[in-house]
């Protein structure tokens, strides 16, 4: 702490997140001016051959570049790190950094990263075009087409998408795998990317729901079965006991993606059921449940165990980024309230037993009172703002105003 020291790694997804977050920021706020913000680089020693990470204090460069350039350079590197088949290399691990030996030889692939990169390229190519960088926009769009074909032609396992492959080509997250047969994030991101074959994504999410959602423990597992005795060494993830943290327990970050994917598919009852499992307060409904859960029921736990006699016990709390994603799963995924620039859009995806809901939005120094109502006469989402019907399910609030919005959805 306070030293500015950090770790240089070969984690493969790091170079995609900056563009992903920036594109999301622009979509929500409408503030493309952030792309011109001048930012320095950090400079430090390169990793040597066979070296997977190095801890040191980097130097801050005097030269700067716009945020757009930082994003673009990172995406260019992500594309460069592709296998001959067109899928991203997993290298020293991806989102699941515990899989740090799957591709340490430089040949293993990540299907999840394929979906994530595909989504980001599609989101950021228009940004590049808006910045006058047509060469990159065209290159990224072209690579996105190649990547999509690679995902559908090499990653489909018959009933779900594989998680990736080891350096020797052995599939990871396949029906032929003894351990880690199915991994949730390769399925959920086939939906969240907006690019997975709809029929395949539906089948994959159904299989993931059947195999990963545990009604007894009230958890959504990351994958199953856990690593324990497999011949291939996936990395330090295997050092966790089976069912603990990333090794086959619930890793809440991934589980929130699963909820959002279910909601986007229109599987509203399943989405709400899984969301209720992630809601920490539901793990402490009485003294017995609270004693079993063992961690605070008012903050999101990063992980919940699934085995070893400790199934359903909470893991680490207070530090997880999954709290923000759980908020998005609730507000955007289920309640269907989204901001797009200056407009608020409503796309409720409510469970069947809800008749509607009421909410208050405080923004732009004003207040928006929202009522969502199921209406047998309504065939599609309709919107009334202060009694006036709108042609779309969006409206632009005025700063400082108090507004009443009624959203009618099909019964």
Protein backbone atom coordinates (compact mmCIF):
# COMPACT_ATOMS: atom_id res chain seq x y z
CA UNK A 1 0.00 0.00 0.00
CA UNK A 2 1.00 3.59 -0.79
CA UNK A 3 4.10 2.48 -2.70
CA UNK A 4 2.56 2.44 -6.22
CA UNK A 5 4.11 -1.02 -6.62
CA UNK A 6 2.24 -3.61 -8.63
CA UNK A 7 2.44 -6.84 -10.55
CA UNK A 8 3.12 -7.21 -14.26
CA UNK A 9 1.50 -10.43 -15.43
CA UNK A 10 0.50 -12.37 -18.52
CA UNK A 11 -3.17 -12.29 -17.53
CA UNK A 12 -4.89 -12.09 -20.88
CA UNK A 13 -8.16 -10.23 -20.25
CA UNK A 14 -6.57 -7.15 -18.65
CA UNK A 15 -6.03 -5.52 -22.04
CA UNK A 16 -9.74 -5.69 -22.91
CA UNK A 17 -11.34 -4.22 -19.79
CA UNK A 18 -10.28 -0.61 -20.36
CA UNK A 19 -12.06 -0.38 -23.71
CA UNK A 20 -15.04 -2.31 -22.34
CA UNK A 21 -15.45 0.07 -19.40
CA UNK A 22 -14.89 3.16 -21.52
CA UNK A 23 -17.47 2.11 -24.10
CA UNK A 24 -19.93 1.41 -21.29
CA UNK A 25 -19.25 4.80 -19.70
CA UNK A 26 -19.92 6.60 -22.99
CA UNK A 27 -23.08 4.59 -23.63
CA UNK A 28 -24.52 5.44 -20.21
CA UNK A 29 -23.39 9.05 -19.85
CA UNK A 30 -23.14 10.18 -23.47
CA UNK A 31 -19.83 11.82 -22.53
CA UNK A 32 -17.47 10.98 -25.40
CA UNK A 33 -15.23 13.85 -24.32
CA UNK A 34 -13.55 11.49 -21.87
CA UNK A 35 -11.74 9.91 -24.83
CA UNK A 36 -9.59 13.05 -25.15
CA UNK A 37 -8.39 12.95 -21.53
CA UNK A 38 -4.58 12.87 -21.52
CA UNK A 39 -3.10 10.06 -19.45
CA UNK A 40 0.50 8.94 -18.85
CA UNK A 41 1.81 5.40 -19.20
CA UNK A 42 3.61 3.31 -16.64
CA UNK A 43 7.03 2.00 -17.57
CA UNK A 44 8.86 -1.00 -16.16
CA UNK A 45 10.81 -4.12 -16.93
CA UNK A 46 9.45 -6.59 -19.46
CA UNK A 47 8.81 -10.16 -18.37
CA UNK A 48 11.60 -12.53 -19.33
CA UNK A 49 11.13 -15.79 -21.19
CA UNK A 50 9.37 -18.26 -18.92
CA UNK A 51 8.56 -15.50 -16.42
CA UNK A 52 4.86 -15.20 -15.61
CA UNK A 53 4.83 -12.19 -13.31
CA UNK A 54 7.06 -9.62 -11.66
CA UNK A 55 6.43 -7.34 -8.69
CA UNK A 56 8.01 -3.88 -8.88
CA UNK A 57 7.35 -0.17 -8.70
CA UNK A 58 6.93 1.21 -12.23
CA UNK A 59 7.80 4.71 -13.34
CA UNK A 60 5.17 7.17 -14.54
CA UNK A 61 6.06 8.46 -18.00
CA UNK A 62 6.20 12.15 -18.83
CA UNK A 63 4.63 11.59 -22.24
CA UNK A 64 0.89 11.19 -22.35
CA UNK A 65 -1.77 10.01 -24.79
CA UNK A 66 -5.55 10.38 -24.98
CA UNK A 67 -7.63 7.71 -23.24
CA UNK A 68 -8.77 6.58 -26.68
CA UNK A 69 -5.20 5.70 -27.64
CA UNK A 70 -4.72 3.70 -24.45
CA UNK A 71 -7.88 1.71 -25.22
CA UNK A 72 -6.93 1.22 -28.87
CA UNK A 73 -3.40 0.02 -28.14
CA UNK A 74 -4.74 -2.46 -25.61
CA UNK A 75 -7.32 -3.85 -28.06
CA UNK A 76 -4.67 -4.16 -30.76
CA UNK A 77 -2.61 -6.26 -28.36
CA UNK A 78 -5.63 -8.40 -27.47
CA UNK A 79 -6.14 -9.19 -31.16
CA UNK A 80 -2.45 -9.92 -31.63
CA UNK A 81 -2.69 -12.54 -28.87
CA UNK A 82 -4.81 -14.91 -30.95
CA UNK A 83 -4.39 -18.61 -31.65
CA UNK A 84 -4.13 -20.01 -35.20
CA UNK A 85 -7.82 -20.94 -34.89
CA UNK A 86 -8.71 -17.30 -34.17
CA UNK A 87 -9.52 -17.59 -30.46
CA UNK A 88 -7.80 -15.48 -27.79
CA UNK A 89 -4.84 -17.07 -26.00
CA UNK A 90 -5.43 -17.56 -22.27
CA UNK A 91 -1.70 -17.16 -21.45
CA UNK A 92 -1.24 -16.67 -17.68
CA UNK A 93 -4.98 -16.83 -16.96
CA UNK A 94 -7.95 -14.68 -17.91
CA UNK A 95 -10.82 -13.47 -15.69
CA UNK A 96 -10.20 -16.64 -13.70
CA UNK A 97 -6.58 -15.91 -12.88
CA UNK A 98 -6.39 -19.19 -10.96
CA UNK A 99 -6.24 -20.94 -14.33
CA UNK A 100 -2.68 -19.67 -14.71
CA UNK A 101 -1.20 -22.87 -16.18
CA UNK A 102 -3.85 -23.68 -18.77
CA UNK A 103 -2.00 -21.68 -21.42
CA UNK A 104 1.39 -20.89 -19.87
CA UNK A 105 3.05 -22.35 -22.95
CA UNK A 106 1.39 -19.77 -25.17
CA UNK A 107 -1.00 -22.08 -27.03
CA UNK A 108 -4.00 -22.56 -24.73
CA UNK A 109 -7.20 -20.70 -25.61
CA UNK A 110 -9.99 -18.92 -23.73
CA UNK A 111 -13.53 -19.18 -25.10
CA UNK A 112 -14.87 -16.84 -22.44
CA UNK A 113 -12.35 -14.18 -23.47
CA UNK A 114 -13.47 -14.74 -27.05
CA UNK A 115 -17.02 -13.68 -26.19
CA UNK A 116 -15.82 -10.79 -24.05
CA UNK A 117 -13.44 -9.49 -26.72
CA UNK A 118 -16.12 -9.88 -29.39
CA UNK A 119 -18.54 -7.77 -27.37
CA UNK A 120 -15.89 -5.11 -26.74
CA UNK A 121 -14.76 -4.92 -30.38
CA UNK A 122 -18.35 -4.48 -31.52
CA UNK A 123 -18.89 -1.76 -28.91
CA UNK A 124 -15.62 0.07 -29.54
CA UNK A 125 -15.45 -0.03 -33.35
CA UNK A 126 -18.13 2.71 -33.59
CA UNK A 127 -16.14 4.71 -31.03
CA UNK A 128 -13.09 4.44 -33.28
CA UNK A 129 -15.15 5.56 -36.25
CA UNK A 130 -16.38 8.54 -34.25
CA UNK A 131 -12.76 9.45 -33.53
CA UNK A 132 -11.93 9.35 -37.24
CA UNK A 133 -9.88 6.17 -36.82
CA UNK A 134 -11.54 4.31 -39.69
CA UNK A 135 -8.55 2.01 -40.24
CA UNK A 136 -8.86 0.57 -36.74
CA UNK A 137 -12.65 0.48 -36.89
CA UNK A 138 -12.48 -1.65 -40.04
CA UNK A 139 -9.74 -3.89 -38.64
CA UNK A 140 -11.63 -4.49 -35.41
CA UNK A 141 -14.88 -5.23 -37.27
CA UNK A 142 -13.05 -7.66 -39.52
CA UNK A 143 -11.48 -9.43 -36.55
CA UNK A 144 -14.85 -9.58 -34.80
CA UNK A 145 -16.23 -11.50 -37.80
CA UNK A 146 -13.30 -13.92 -37.69
CA UNK A 147 -13.67 -14.36 -33.94
CA UNK A 148 -17.38 -15.05 -34.11
CA UNK A 149 -16.84 -17.76 -36.72
CA UNK A 150 -14.04 -19.28 -34.63
CA UNK A 151 -16.23 -19.39 -31.54
CA UNK A 152 -19.10 -21.15 -33.28
CA UNK A 153 -16.91 -23.52 -35.30
CA UNK A 154 -14.41 -24.58 -32.61
CA UNK A 155 -15.91 -23.84 -29.17
CA UNK A 156 -19.32 -25.55 -29.33
CA UNK A 157 -19.23 -28.79 -27.35
CA UNK A 158 -22.62 -30.21 -28.32
CA UNK A 159 -24.73 -28.92 -25.40
CA UNK A 160 -22.70 -25.95 -24.19
CA UNK A 161 -19.65 -23.86 -25.06
CA UNK A 162 -16.26 -25.05 -23.86
CA UNK A 163 -14.29 -22.89 -21.46
CA UNK A 164 -11.13 -23.10 -23.55
CA UNK A 165 -8.25 -25.45 -24.21
CA UNK A 166 -4.91 -26.40 -22.66
CA UNK A 167 -1.60 -25.86 -24.43
CA UNK A 168 -1.71 -29.40 -25.85
CA UNK A 169 -5.18 -28.84 -27.31
CA UNK A 170 -7.08 -30.79 -24.65
CA UNK A 171 -10.51 -29.17 -24.19
CA UNK A 172 -11.34 -27.36 -20.95
CA UNK A 173 -14.96 -27.22 -19.86
CA UNK A 174 -16.12 -30.06 -22.10
CA UNK A 175 -18.37 -33.08 -21.66
CA UNK A 176 -15.18 -35.09 -22.18
CA UNK A 177 -13.51 -33.38 -19.20
CA UNK A 178 -13.38 -35.32 -15.93
CA UNK A 179 -13.37 -32.06 -13.99
CA UNK A 180 -14.70 -28.62 -14.92
CA UNK A 181 -17.11 -30.09 -17.47
CA UNK A 182 -19.16 -26.91 -17.75
CA UNK A 183 -18.20 -23.35 -16.80
CA UNK A 184 -20.86 -20.66 -16.38
CA UNK A 185 -19.07 -17.68 -17.90
CA UNK A 186 -18.58 -19.28 -21.31
CA UNK A 187 -22.37 -19.72 -21.45
CA UNK A 188 -23.50 -16.40 -19.96
CA UNK A 189 -21.19 -14.35 -22.16
CA UNK A 190 -22.44 -16.07 -25.30
CA UNK A 191 -25.65 -14.22 -24.35
CA UNK A 192 -24.14 -11.00 -22.98
CA UNK A 193 -21.97 -10.57 -26.07
CA UNK A 194 -25.13 -10.51 -28.18
CA UNK A 195 -23.32 -12.72 -30.67
CA UNK A 196 -23.88 -16.34 -29.61
CA UNK A 197 -26.10 -18.49 -31.81
CA UNK A 198 -29.51 -18.04 -30.10
CA UNK A 199 -30.46 -21.72 -30.19
CA UNK A 200 -27.05 -22.78 -28.87
CA UNK A 201 -27.03 -20.12 -26.16
CA UNK A 202 -30.48 -21.24 -25.03
CA UNK A 203 -29.35 -24.87 -24.82
CA UNK A 204 -26.13 -23.87 -23.07
CA UNK A 205 -27.88 -21.76 -20.45
CA UNK A 206 -30.42 -24.50 -19.82
CA UNK A 207 -27.62 -27.00 -19.23
CA UNK A 208 -25.76 -24.53 -17.01
CA UNK A 209 -28.91 -23.92 -14.98
CA UNK A 210 -29.46 -27.65 -14.50
CA UNK A 211 -25.84 -28.37 -13.57
CA UNK A 212 -24.70 -25.26 -11.70
CA UNK A 213 -27.72 -23.86 -9.84
CA UNK A 214 -27.94 -25.62 -6.47
CA UNK A 215 -31.38 -25.23 -4.87
CA UNK A 216 -30.31 -26.92 -1.63
CA UNK A 217 -27.30 -24.69 -0.97
CA UNK A 218 -28.91 -21.71 -2.73
CA UNK A 219 -25.82 -20.95 -4.80
CA UNK A 220 -24.85 -20.66 -8.47
CA UNK A 221 -21.60 -22.53 -9.00
CA UNK A 222 -18.85 -21.22 -11.25
CA UNK A 223 -18.24 -24.66 -12.76
CA UNK A 224 -18.59 -28.33 -11.93
CA UNK A 225 -17.06 -30.70 -10.96
CA UNK A 226 -14.21 -28.96 -9.07
CA UNK A 227 -10.57 -29.64 -9.89
CA UNK A 228 -9.09 -32.33 -7.67
CA UNK A 229 -7.33 -35.18 -9.43
CA UNK A 230 -7.23 -34.12 -13.08
CA UNK A 231 -4.15 -35.06 -15.08
CA UNK A 232 -3.84 -31.58 -16.55
CA UNK A 233 -2.78 -28.87 -14.13
CA UNK A 234 -5.02 -25.79 -14.60
CA UNK A 235 -3.01 -23.71 -12.12
CA UNK A 236 -3.23 -22.50 -8.57
CA UNK A 237 -7.02 -22.86 -8.66
CA UNK A 238 -6.44 -26.56 -8.02
CA UNK A 239 -4.74 -25.74 -4.70
CA UNK A 240 -8.10 -24.62 -3.30
CA UNK A 241 -10.09 -27.49 -1.79
CA UNK A 242 -12.87 -28.71 -4.10
CA UNK A 243 -15.86 -26.40 -3.82
CA UNK A 244 -13.91 -23.47 -2.35
CA UNK A 245 -13.70 -20.07 -4.08
CA UNK A 246 -13.08 -20.34 -7.84
CA UNK A 247 -12.64 -24.10 -7.62
CA UNK A 248 -16.26 -25.03 -8.12
CA UNK A 249 -17.83 -22.83 -5.47
CA UNK A 250 -20.07 -19.87 -6.16
CA UNK A 251 -17.93 -17.01 -7.39
CA UNK A 252 -20.47 -14.24 -7.12
CA UNK A 253 -18.98 -12.05 -9.86
CA UNK A 254 -19.67 -14.78 -12.41
CA UNK A 255 -23.06 -15.57 -10.88
CA UNK A 256 -24.23 -11.99 -11.42
CA UNK A 257 -23.41 -12.34 -15.12
CA UNK A 258 -25.50 -15.51 -15.13
CA UNK A 259 -28.49 -13.62 -13.71
CA UNK A 260 -28.18 -10.80 -16.25
CA UNK A 261 -27.91 -13.31 -19.10
CA UNK A 262 -31.07 -15.12 -17.96
CA UNK A 263 -32.91 -11.80 -17.76
CA UNK A 264 -31.79 -10.76 -21.24
CA UNK A 265 -33.03 -14.10 -22.59
CA UNK A 266 -36.46 -13.44 -21.09
CA UNK A 267 -36.10 -16.28 -18.58
CA UNK A 268 -37.44 -13.95 -15.92
CA UNK A 269 -38.43 -16.50 -13.27
CA UNK A 270 -35.02 -18.19 -13.47
CA UNK A 271 -33.28 -14.82 -13.31
CA UNK A 272 -35.16 -13.84 -10.17
CA UNK A 273 -34.63 -17.26 -8.57
CA UNK A 274 -30.88 -17.00 -9.10
CA UNK A 275 -30.79 -13.36 -8.03
CA UNK A 276 -32.52 -14.32 -4.78
CA UNK A 277 -29.74 -16.85 -4.16
CA UNK A 278 -27.13 -14.11 -4.58
CA UNK A 279 -28.95 -11.66 -2.30
CA UNK A 280 -26.98 -12.05 0.94
CA UNK A 281 -29.90 -11.30 3.24
CA UNK A 282 -31.59 -14.50 2.06
CA UNK A 283 -28.76 -16.53 3.57
CA UNK A 284 -29.64 -15.31 7.06
CA UNK A 285 -33.41 -15.61 7.22
CA UNK A 286 -33.21 -17.15 10.69
CA UNK A 287 -30.61 -17.91 13.34
CA UNK A 288 -29.80 -21.37 11.98
CA UNK A 289 -29.25 -20.05 8.45
CA UNK A 290 -27.13 -17.14 9.69
CA UNK A 291 -24.96 -19.47 11.76
CA UNK A 292 -24.42 -21.69 8.73
CA UNK A 293 -23.64 -18.78 6.39
CA UNK A 294 -21.16 -17.35 8.94
CA UNK A 295 -20.51 -13.99 7.23
CA UNK A 296 -22.28 -10.62 7.12
CA UNK A 297 -25.73 -10.84 5.49
CA UNK A 298 -25.68 -7.13 4.58
CA UNK A 299 -22.73 -7.17 2.16
CA UNK A 300 -22.08 -9.30 -0.91
CA UNK A 301 -19.75 -12.24 -0.38
CA UNK A 302 -17.21 -12.75 -3.14
CA UNK A 303 -17.66 -16.50 -2.87
CA UNK A 304 -19.75 -19.17 -1.17
CA UNK A 305 -18.49 -22.72 -0.69
CA UNK A 306 -20.18 -25.65 -2.39
CA UNK A 307 -18.55 -28.71 -0.80
CA UNK A 308 -16.27 -30.25 1.75
CA UNK A 309 -18.91 -30.19 4.47
CA UNK A 310 -19.03 -26.39 4.26
CA UNK A 311 -21.50 -25.99 1.41
CA UNK A 312 -23.42 -22.72 1.74
CA UNK A 313 -20.85 -21.01 3.97
CA UNK A 314 -19.80 -17.54 2.89
CA UNK A 315 -16.21 -16.76 1.97
CA UNK A 316 -14.53 -13.37 1.58
CA UNK A 317 -16.61 -10.22 2.11
CA UNK A 318 -16.20 -6.43 1.83
CA UNK A 319 -13.78 -6.43 -1.09
CA UNK A 320 -15.70 -7.77 -4.06
CA UNK A 321 -16.47 -5.98 -7.30
CA UNK A 322 -19.44 -8.30 -7.69
CA UNK A 323 -21.46 -5.91 -5.50
CA UNK A 324 -21.65 -3.45 -8.39
CA UNK A 325 -22.61 -6.18 -10.83
CA UNK A 326 -25.32 -7.45 -8.45
CA UNK A 327 -26.74 -3.92 -8.33
CA UNK A 328 -26.81 -3.87 -12.14
CA UNK A 329 -28.45 -7.30 -12.20
CA UNK A 330 -31.23 -5.94 -9.99
CA UNK A 331 -31.76 -2.44 -11.40
CA UNK A 332 -30.97 -3.00 -15.08
CA UNK A 333 -31.46 -6.74 -15.53
CA UNK A 334 -34.69 -7.32 -13.58
CA UNK A 335 -36.29 -3.94 -12.90
CA UNK A 336 -35.22 -2.90 -16.40
CA UNK A 337 -34.23 0.70 -15.63
CA UNK A 338 -31.34 1.87 -17.79
CA UNK A 339 -29.75 5.19 -18.60
CA UNK A 340 -28.61 5.88 -22.15
CA UNK A 341 -27.09 9.33 -22.45
CA UNK A 342 -29.77 11.83 -21.52
CA UNK A 343 -32.58 9.28 -21.68
CA UNK A 344 -33.98 6.75 -19.24
CA UNK A 345 -35.16 3.49 -20.82
CA UNK A 346 -37.52 0.95 -19.28
CA UNK A 347 -37.38 -2.76 -20.13
CA UNK A 348 -38.76 -4.59 -17.08
CA UNK A 349 -38.11 -8.33 -16.94
CA UNK A 350 -40.15 -9.25 -13.90
CA UNK A 351 -40.80 -12.71 -12.44
CA UNK A 352 -44.26 -14.09 -13.07
CA UNK A 353 -45.45 -13.62 -9.49
CA UNK A 354 -44.80 -9.86 -9.54
CA UNK A 355 -47.70 -7.62 -10.56
CA UNK A 356 -45.31 -4.69 -10.90
CA UNK A 357 -43.29 -2.40 -8.67
CA UNK A 358 -42.75 1.21 -7.62
CA UNK A 359 -39.40 2.99 -7.53
CA UNK A 360 -38.04 6.49 -7.04
CA UNK A 361 -35.10 7.73 -9.10
CA UNK A 362 -33.19 10.75 -7.86
CA UNK A 363 -31.05 12.28 -10.58
CA UNK A 364 -30.28 15.61 -12.25
CA UNK A 365 -31.42 17.36 -9.03
CA UNK A 366 -34.90 16.01 -9.67
CA UNK A 367 -37.10 13.11 -8.73
CA UNK A 368 -38.75 10.50 -10.95
CA UNK A 369 -41.49 8.36 -9.42
CA UNK A 370 -41.91 5.16 -11.42
CA UNK A 371 -44.79 2.70 -11.35
CA UNK A 372 -44.61 -0.50 -13.39
CA UNK A 373 -47.96 -2.21 -13.91
CA UNK A 374 -48.96 -5.45 -15.60
CA UNK A 375 -51.84 -4.72 -17.96
CA UNK A 376 -53.88 -7.37 -19.81
CA UNK A 377 -54.66 -4.83 -22.54
CA UNK A 378 -50.99 -4.10 -23.20
CA UNK A 379 -49.20 -6.10 -25.88
CA UNK A 380 -45.82 -4.33 -25.58
CA UNK A 381 -44.14 -1.98 -23.14
CA UNK A 382 -45.83 1.43 -23.06
CA UNK A 383 -44.83 4.60 -21.23
CA UNK A 384 -46.75 7.55 -19.79
CA UNK A 385 -44.86 10.59 -18.49
CA UNK A 386 -46.96 12.92 -16.34
CA UNK A 387 -50.05 11.43 -17.98
CA UNK A 388 -48.85 11.87 -21.56
CA UNK A 389 -48.30 8.73 -23.61
CA UNK A 390 -44.89 8.27 -25.24
CA UNK A 391 -44.18 6.52 -28.53
CA UNK A 392 -41.17 4.68 -27.12
CA UNK A 393 -40.15 3.15 -23.79
CA UNK A 394 -37.68 5.98 -23.19
CA UNK A 395 -37.86 9.61 -22.12
CA UNK A 396 -35.50 12.46 -21.33
CA UNK A 397 -35.94 13.86 -17.81
CA UNK A 398 -35.47 17.58 -17.26
CA UNK A 399 -33.09 18.78 -14.59
CA UNK A 400 -34.78 19.71 -11.33
CA UNK A 401 -38.22 18.40 -12.33
CA UNK A 402 -40.47 16.08 -10.40
CA UNK A 403 -41.85 13.53 -12.83
CA UNK A 404 -44.33 10.66 -12.61
CA UNK A 405 -43.82 7.75 -14.98
CA UNK A 406 -46.16 4.82 -15.53
CA UNK A 407 -44.78 1.80 -17.37
CA UNK A 408 -47.29 -0.77 -18.58
CA UNK A 409 -46.09 -4.26 -19.47
CA UNK A 410 -47.97 -7.28 -20.85
CA UNK A 411 -49.70 -9.37 -18.18
